[in-house]
C-alpha atoms as a PDB file:
ATOM      1  CA  LEU A   1     129.468  93.557 110.313  1.00  0.00           C
ATOM      2  CA  ALA A   2     128.081  93.704 113.836  1.00  0.00           C
ATOM      3  CA  ILE A   3     127.545  97.454 113.528  1.00  0.00           C
ATOM      4  CA  ILE A   4     125.821  97.026 110.160  1.00  0.00           C
ATOM      5  CA  ALA A   5     123.596  94.316 111.626  1.00  0.00           C
ATOM      6  CA  VAL A   6     122.558  96.534 114.543  1.00  0.00           C
ATOM      7  CA  LEU A   7     121.854  99.466 112.227  1.00  0.00           C
ATOM      8  CA  SER A   8     119.848  97.214 109.898  1.00  0.00           C
ATOM      9  CA  VAL A   9     117.655  95.943 112.733  1.00  0.00           C
ATOM     10  CA  GLY A  10     117.074  99.518 113.931  1.00  0.00           C
ATOM     11  CA  GLY A  11     116.273 100.661 110.415  1.00  0.00           C
ATOM     12  CA  ILE A  12     113.750  97.856 109.864  1.00  0.00           C
ATOM     13  CA  ALA A  13     112.064  98.587 113.199  1.00  0.00           C
ATOM     14  CA  GLY A  14     111.869 102.300 112.362  1.00  0.00           C
ATOM     15  CA  TYR A  15     110.460 101.566 108.927  1.00  0.00           C
ATOM     16  CA  SER A  16     107.841  99.188 110.360  1.00  0.00           C
ATOM     17  CA  LYS A  17     106.727 101.793 112.894  1.00  0.00           C
ATOM     18  CA  ALA A  18     106.534 104.474 110.212  1.00  0.00           C
ATOM     19  CA  MET A  19     104.417 102.204 107.992  1.00  0.00           C
ATOM     20  CA  GLU A  20     102.127 101.389 110.914  1.00  0.00           C
ATOM     21  CA  ASN A  21     101.626 105.096 111.632  1.00  0.00           C
ATOM     22  CA  PHE A  22     100.952 105.759 107.961  1.00  0.00           C
ATOM     23  CA  LYS A  23      98.274 103.038 107.823  1.00  0.00           C
ATOM     24  CA  VAL A  24      96.580 104.281 110.982  1.00  0.00           C
ATOM     25  CA  ASN A  25      96.618 107.900 109.785  1.00  0.00           C
ATOM     26  CA  LYS A  26      95.165 106.806 106.439  1.00  0.00           C
ATOM     27  CA  ILE A  27      92.311 104.962 108.146  1.00  0.00           C
ATOM     28  CA  ILE A  28      91.507 107.984 110.327  1.00  0.00           C
ATOM     29  CA  GLN A  29      91.448 110.157 107.174  1.00  0.00           C
ATOM     30  CA  ASP A  30      89.074 107.653 105.549  1.00  0.00           C
ATOM     31  CA  TYR A  31      86.779 107.768 108.579  1.00  0.00           C
ATOM     32  CA  ASN A  32      86.792 111.565 108.573  1.00  0.00           C
ATOM     33  CA  SER A  33      85.900 111.739 104.876  1.00  0.00           C
ATOM     34  CA  LEU A  34      83.087 109.235 105.335  1.00  0.00           C
ATOM     35  CA  ILE A  35      81.608 111.030 108.349  1.00  0.00           C
ATOM     36  CA  PHE A  36      81.659 114.526 106.879  1.00  0.00           C
ATOM     37  CA  GLY A  37      80.255 113.187 103.632  1.00  0.00           C
ATOM     38  CA  LEU A  38      77.380 111.546 105.511  1.00  0.00           C
ATOM     39  CA  LEU A  39      76.675 114.688 107.519  1.00  0.00           C
ATOM     40  CA  GLU A  40      75.968 116.571 104.294  1.00  0.00           C
ATOM     41  CA  TYR A  41      73.023 114.219 103.700  1.00  0.00           C
ATOM     42  CA  ARG A  42      71.757 113.955 107.270  1.00  0.00           C
ATOM     43  CA  GLN A  43      68.659 116.100 106.634  1.00  0.00           C
ATOM     44  CA  ASN A  44      67.760 113.903 103.653  1.00  0.00           C
ATOM     45  CA  PHE A  45      67.926 110.833 105.898  1.00  0.00           C
ATOM     46  CA  GLN A  46      65.742 112.546 108.517  1.00  0.00           C
ATOM     47  CA  LYS A  47      63.055 113.275 105.924  1.00  0.00           C
ATOM     48  CA  ASN A  48      63.056 109.965 104.059  1.00  0.00           C
ATOM     49  CA  VAL A  49      64.032 107.149 106.436  1.00  0.00           C
ATOM     50  CA  VAL A  50      61.315 105.196 108.221  1.00  0.00           C
ATOM     51  CA  GLY A  51      62.380 102.930 111.064  1.00  0.00           C
ATOM     52  CA  THR A  52      65.972 101.699 111.018  1.00  0.00           C
ATOM     53  CA  VAL A  53      67.731 101.421 107.655  1.00  0.00           C
ATOM     54  CA  ALA A  54      71.204 100.168 106.761  1.00  0.00           C
ATOM     55  CA  LEU A  55      72.832 102.798 104.547  1.00  0.00           C
ATOM     56  CA  THR A  56      75.385 100.470 102.956  1.00  0.00           C
ATOM     57  CA  ASP A  57      74.136 100.806  99.384  1.00  0.00           C
ATOM     58  CA  VAL A  58      73.267 104.487  99.883  1.00  0.00           C
ATOM     59  CA  VAL A  59      76.845 105.231 100.918  1.00  0.00           C
ATOM     60  CA  ILE A  60      78.102 103.441  97.801  1.00  0.00           C
ATOM     61  CA  ALA A  61      75.671 105.337  95.571  1.00  0.00           C
ATOM     62  CA  LEU A  62      76.803 108.642  97.099  1.00  0.00           C
ATOM     63  CA  ASN A  63      80.418 107.684  96.343  1.00  0.00           C
ATOM     64  CA  LEU A  64      81.443 108.088  99.983  1.00  0.00           C
ATOM     65  CA  VAL A  65      83.210 104.730 100.318  1.00  0.00           C
ATOM     66  CA  PRO A  66      87.038 104.923 100.327  1.00  0.00           C
ATOM     67  CA  GLY A  67      88.576 103.057  97.412  1.00  0.00           C
ATOM     68  CA  THR A  68      90.426 100.569  99.637  1.00  0.00           C
ATOM     69  CA  TRP A  69      87.253  99.415 101.416  1.00  0.00           C
ATOM     70  CA  LYS A  70      85.100  96.496 100.352  1.00  0.00           C
ATOM     71  CA  LYS A  71      81.446  95.696 100.918  1.00  0.00           C
ATOM     72  CA  LEU A  72      81.126  92.477 102.914  1.00  0.00           C
ATOM     73  CA  ASN A  73      77.328  92.164 102.891  1.00  0.00           C
ATOM     74  CA  ASP A  74      74.199  94.323 103.145  1.00  0.00           C
ATOM     75  CA  VAL A  75      75.331  95.658 106.514  1.00  0.00           C
ATOM     76  CA  TYR A  76      79.117  95.854 106.763  1.00  0.00           C
ATOM     77  CA  PHE A  77      82.098  97.370 105.013  1.00  0.00           C
ATOM     78  CA  GLU A  78      85.643  96.248 105.721  1.00  0.00           C
ATOM     79  CA  ASP A  79      88.374  98.890 105.719  1.00  0.00           C
ATOM     80  CA  SER A  80      92.000  98.413 104.687  1.00  0.00           C
ATOM     81  CA  TYR A  81      92.966  97.357 108.234  1.00  0.00           C
ATOM     82  CA  GLY A  82      90.289  94.682 108.608  1.00  0.00           C
ATOM     83  CA  ASN A  83      87.902  96.732 110.754  1.00  0.00           C
ATOM     84  CA  TRP A  84      84.201  96.299 110.029  1.00  0.00           C
ATOM     85  CA  ILE A  85      82.057  99.431 109.678  1.00  0.00           C
ATOM     86  CA  LYS A  86      78.255  99.495 109.885  1.00  0.00           C
ATOM     87  CA  ILE A  87      76.263 102.616 108.953  1.00  0.00           C
ATOM     88  CA  ASN A  88      72.573 102.946 109.872  1.00  0.00           C
ATOM     89  CA  TYR A  89      70.007 105.667 110.148  1.00  0.00           C
ATOM     90  CA  ARG A  90      67.356 105.199 112.824  1.00  0.00           C
ATOM     91  CA  GLN A  91      64.279 107.410 112.720  1.00  0.00           C
ATOM     92  CA  ILE A  92      62.864 106.120 115.987  1.00  0.00           C
ATOM     93  CA  GLY A  93      64.717 103.821 118.338  1.00  0.00           C
ATOM     94  CA  LYS A  94      64.461 102.582 121.914  1.00  0.00           C
ATOM     95  CA  TYR A  95      67.686 100.649 122.241  1.00  0.00           C
ATOM     96  CA  LEU A  96      68.635 102.103 125.608  1.00  0.00           C
ATOM     97  CA  GLY A  97      65.625 104.337 126.169  1.00  0.00           C
ATOM     98  CA  ASN A  98      67.803 107.432 126.369  1.00  0.00           C
ATOM     99  CA  GLU A  99      66.964 110.637 124.528  1.00  0.00           C
ATOM    100  CA  TRP A 100      70.288 110.677 122.695  1.00  0.00           C
ATOM    101  CA  ASP A 101      69.680 107.160 121.367  1.00  0.00           C
ATOM    102  CA  ARG A 102      66.155 107.545 119.987  1.00  0.00           C
ATOM    103  CA  GLN A 103      67.100 108.634 116.486  1.00  0.00           C
ATOM    104  CA  GLY A 104      70.076 109.573 114.391  1.00  0.00           C
ATOM    105  CA  LEU A 105      72.869 108.569 112.085  1.00  0.00           C
ATOM    106  CA  ILE A 106      74.700 105.629 113.679  1.00  0.00           C
ATOM    107  CA  ILE A 107      78.185 104.466 112.738  1.00  0.00           C
ATOM    108  CA  ASP A 108      79.655 101.350 114.353  1.00  0.00           C
ATOM    109  CA  PHE A 109      83.404 100.822 114.036  1.00  0.00           C
ATOM    110  CA  ASN A 110      84.006  97.160 114.880  1.00  0.00           C
ATOM    111  CA  LEU A 111      87.714  97.488 115.522  1.00  0.00           C
ATOM    112  CA  GLY A 112      89.458  94.212 114.821  1.00  0.00           C
ATOM    113  CA  GLY A 113      86.629  92.953 112.637  1.00  0.00           C
ATOM    114  CA  LEU A 114      84.229  90.218 113.706  1.00  0.00           C
ATOM    115  CA  SER A 115      84.818  86.499 113.986  1.00  0.00           C
ATOM    116  CA  MET A 116      83.030  83.833 115.991  1.00  0.00           C
ATOM    117  CA  ASP A 117      84.396  81.325 118.479  1.00  0.00           C
ATOM    118  CA  ASN A 118      83.136  77.766 119.019  1.00  0.00           C
ATOM    119  CA  ASP A 119      80.553  78.997 121.533  1.00  0.00           C
ATOM    120  CA  GLY A 120      79.001  81.478 119.100  1.00  0.00           C
ATOM    121  CA  ASN A 121      80.548  84.548 120.709  1.00  0.00           C
ATOM    122  CA  TYR A 122      81.739  87.394 118.490  1.00  0.00           C
ATOM    123  CA  LEU A 123      85.404  88.343 118.772  1.00  0.00           C
ATOM    124  CA  SER A 124      87.517  91.239 117.542  1.00  0.00           C
ATOM    125  CA  THR A 125      90.747  89.262 117.380  1.00  0.00           C
ATOM    126  CA  THR A 126      92.867  91.877 115.582  1.00  0.00           C
ATOM    127  CA  PHE A 127      91.789  94.839 117.739  1.00  0.00           C
ATOM    128  CA  ASN A 128      94.305  97.684 117.457  1.00  0.00           C
ATOM    129  CA  LYS A 129      94.559 100.025 120.467  1.00  0.00           C
ATOM    130  CA  LYS A 130      96.322 102.712 118.441  1.00  0.00           C
ATOM    131  CA  ILE A 131      93.432 102.930 115.949  1.00  0.00           C
ATOM    132  CA  CYS A 132      90.987 103.062 118.868  1.00  0.00           C
ATOM    133  CA  PHE A 133      92.921 105.891 120.541  1.00  0.00           C
ATOM    134  CA  GLU A 134      93.342 107.881 117.318  1.00  0.00           C
ATOM    135  CA  LEU A 135      89.642 107.435 116.514  1.00  0.00           C
ATOM    136  CA  PHE A 136      88.677 109.014 119.838  1.00  0.00           C
ATOM    137  CA  LYS A 137      91.423 111.640 119.659  1.00  0.00           C
ATOM    138  CA  ASN A 138      90.921 112.837 116.082  1.00  0.00           C
ATOM    139  CA  ILE A 139      87.236 112.156 115.395  1.00  0.00           C
ATOM    140  CA  VAL A 140      84.975 111.333 118.333  1.00  0.00           C
ATOM    141  CA  GLN A 141      86.138 113.911 120.899  1.00  0.00           C
ATOM    142  CA  PRO A 142      86.560 116.817 118.421  1.00  0.00           C
ATOM    143  CA  LEU A 143      82.951 116.262 117.265  1.00  0.00           C
ATOM    144  CA  HIS A 144      81.567 116.776 120.789  1.00  0.00           C
ATOM    145  CA  ASN A 145      79.344 119.659 119.642  1.00  0.00           C
ATOM    146  CA  THR A 146      77.838 117.568 116.815  1.00  0.00           C
ATOM    147  CA  LEU A 147      77.528 114.072 118.260  1.00  0.00           C
ATOM    148  CA  ASN A 148      74.735 112.810 120.487  1.00  0.00           C
ATOM    149  CA  VAL A 149      77.148 110.304 121.992  1.00  0.00           C
ATOM    150  CA  GLY A 150      80.375 108.417 121.410  1.00  0.00           C
ATOM    151  CA  TYR A 151      80.984 105.159 123.228  1.00  0.00           C
ATOM    152  CA  LEU A 152      83.081 102.026 123.426  1.00  0.00           C
ATOM    153  CA  SER A 153      81.516  98.575 123.846  1.00  0.00           C
ATOM    154  CA  TRP A 154      83.451  95.480 124.934  1.00  0.00           C
ATOM    155  CA  ALA A 155      82.549  92.106 126.471  1.00  0.00           C
ATOM    156  CA  GLY A 156      78.899  93.124 126.849  1.00  0.00           C
ATOM    157  CA  LYS A 157      79.776  96.384 128.612  1.00  0.00           C
ATOM    158  CA  SER A 158      79.767  99.997 127.399  1.00  0.00           C
ATOM    159  CA  LYS A 159      81.334 103.304 128.382  1.00  0.00           C
ATOM    160  CA  PHE A 160      79.377 106.375 127.205  1.00  0.00           C
ATOM    161  CA  TYR A 161      80.515 109.948 126.603  1.00  0.00           C
ATOM    162  CA  LEU A 162      77.698 112.357 125.754  1.00  0.00           C
ATOM    163  CA  GLY A 163      77.856 115.214 123.263  1.00  0.00           C
ATOM    164  CA  ASP A 164      77.250 118.837 124.235  1.00  0.00           C
ATOM    165  CA  LYS A 165      73.480 118.683 123.657  1.00  0.00           C
ATOM    166  CA  PHE A 166      73.002 115.934 126.262  1.00  0.00           C
ATOM    167  CA  CYS A 167      75.991 116.566 128.531  1.00  0.00           C
ATOM    168  CA  THR A 168      75.256 117.278 132.212  1.00  0.00           C
ATOM    169  CA  GLU A 169      77.312 117.591 135.375  1.00  0.00           C
ATOM    170  CA  LYS A 170      76.346 114.013 136.267  1.00  0.00           C
ATOM    171  CA  THR A 171      77.420 112.404 132.977  1.00  0.00           C
ATOM    172  CA  ASP A 172      80.715 111.669 131.259  1.00  0.00           C
ATOM    173  CA  CYS A 173      81.000 114.179 128.426  1.00  0.00           C
ATOM    174  CA  LEU A 174      82.976 114.220 125.200  1.00  0.00           C
ATOM    175  CA  ASN A 175      84.050 117.823 125.704  1.00  0.00           C
ATOM    176  CA  LYS A 176      85.774 116.789 128.954  1.00  0.00           C
ATOM    177  CA  MET A 177      87.301 113.567 127.627  1.00  0.00           C
ATOM    178  CA  THR A 178      91.064 113.487 128.161  1.00  0.00           C
ATOM    179  CA  PHE A 179      93.798 111.493 126.435  1.00  0.00           C
ATOM    180  CA  ALA A 180      94.007 109.417 129.612  1.00  0.00           C
ATOM    181  CA  ASP A 181      90.263 108.637 129.321  1.00  0.00           C
ATOM    182  CA  MET A 182      90.757 107.580 125.690  1.00  0.00           C
ATOM    183  CA  LYS A 183      93.673 105.331 126.547  1.00  0.00           C
ATOM    184  CA  GLU A 184      91.834 103.804 129.501  1.00  0.00           C
ATOM    185  CA  SER A 185      88.768 103.098 127.363  1.00  0.00           C
ATOM    186  CA  CYS A 186      90.768 101.471 124.573  1.00  0.00           C
ATOM    187  CA  GLU A 187      92.712  99.348 127.083  1.00  0.00           C
ATOM    188  CA  LYS A 188      89.456  97.571 127.940  1.00  0.00           C
ATOM    189  CA  CYS A 189      89.559  95.658 124.640  1.00  0.00           C
ATOM    190  CA  ASP A 190      91.836  92.630 124.529  1.00  0.00           C
ATOM    191  CA  GLY A 191      90.781  90.773 121.361  1.00  0.00           C
ATOM    192  CA  LYS A 192      88.893  88.161 123.404  1.00  0.00           C
ATOM    193  CA  SER A 193      85.460  89.689 122.825  1.00  0.00           C
ATOM    194  CA  ARG A 194      83.648  91.948 120.385  1.00  0.00           C
ATOM    195  CA  CYS A 195      84.912  95.530 120.608  1.00  0.00           C
ATOM    196  CA  ASN A 196      83.456  98.534 118.825  1.00  0.00           C
ATOM    197  CA  VAL A 197      83.359 102.313 118.930  1.00  0.00           C
ATOM    198  CA  THR A 198      79.931 103.744 118.134  1.00  0.00           C
ATOM    199  CA  ILE A 199      78.956 107.317 117.329  1.00  0.00           C
ATOM    200  CA  ILE A 200      75.449 108.714 116.940  1.00  0.00           C
ATOM    201  CA  PHE A 201      74.645 112.066 115.310  1.00  0.00           C
END
């Protein structure tokens, strides 16, 4: 009985880990499908968008939303893991005053969703470091020749990695981003503040 009990515990743990990996891989596949679908329409957005526009309803109309996602409001989708995704196109912007930030297709992955504490601060309480790492590993870094920038924001701070077009010897660049860099970046989020990965095309 003791042997059976030990094997059962090991089997349950292995099954739980396999299910976790499956869910994470599925989310990364969903993100990939969404991004490449949006890129097909990027020139249309460049020609027709004035100012900054949330593309929530446009993405639905183009049938780019994964079936397991739900629309939360005019700005956000929620994926099957509880992450909140915001998709905008900005024709002209001056958020940071940098060339790479002035216009483009912007996707915010609020990993861990968004909730608010008693002081009015946004939190990502269910932040998942594995999803963060896999997002950088399988999407953000491989798109270094297409992205303007990919960055992580947490607790009012940000860490930027520039795409090939804006990369210089003095900047952190996506094409030089290592697994250690990805892990270090994702370790900055602890669920006690808002945490999101943002990419701009």
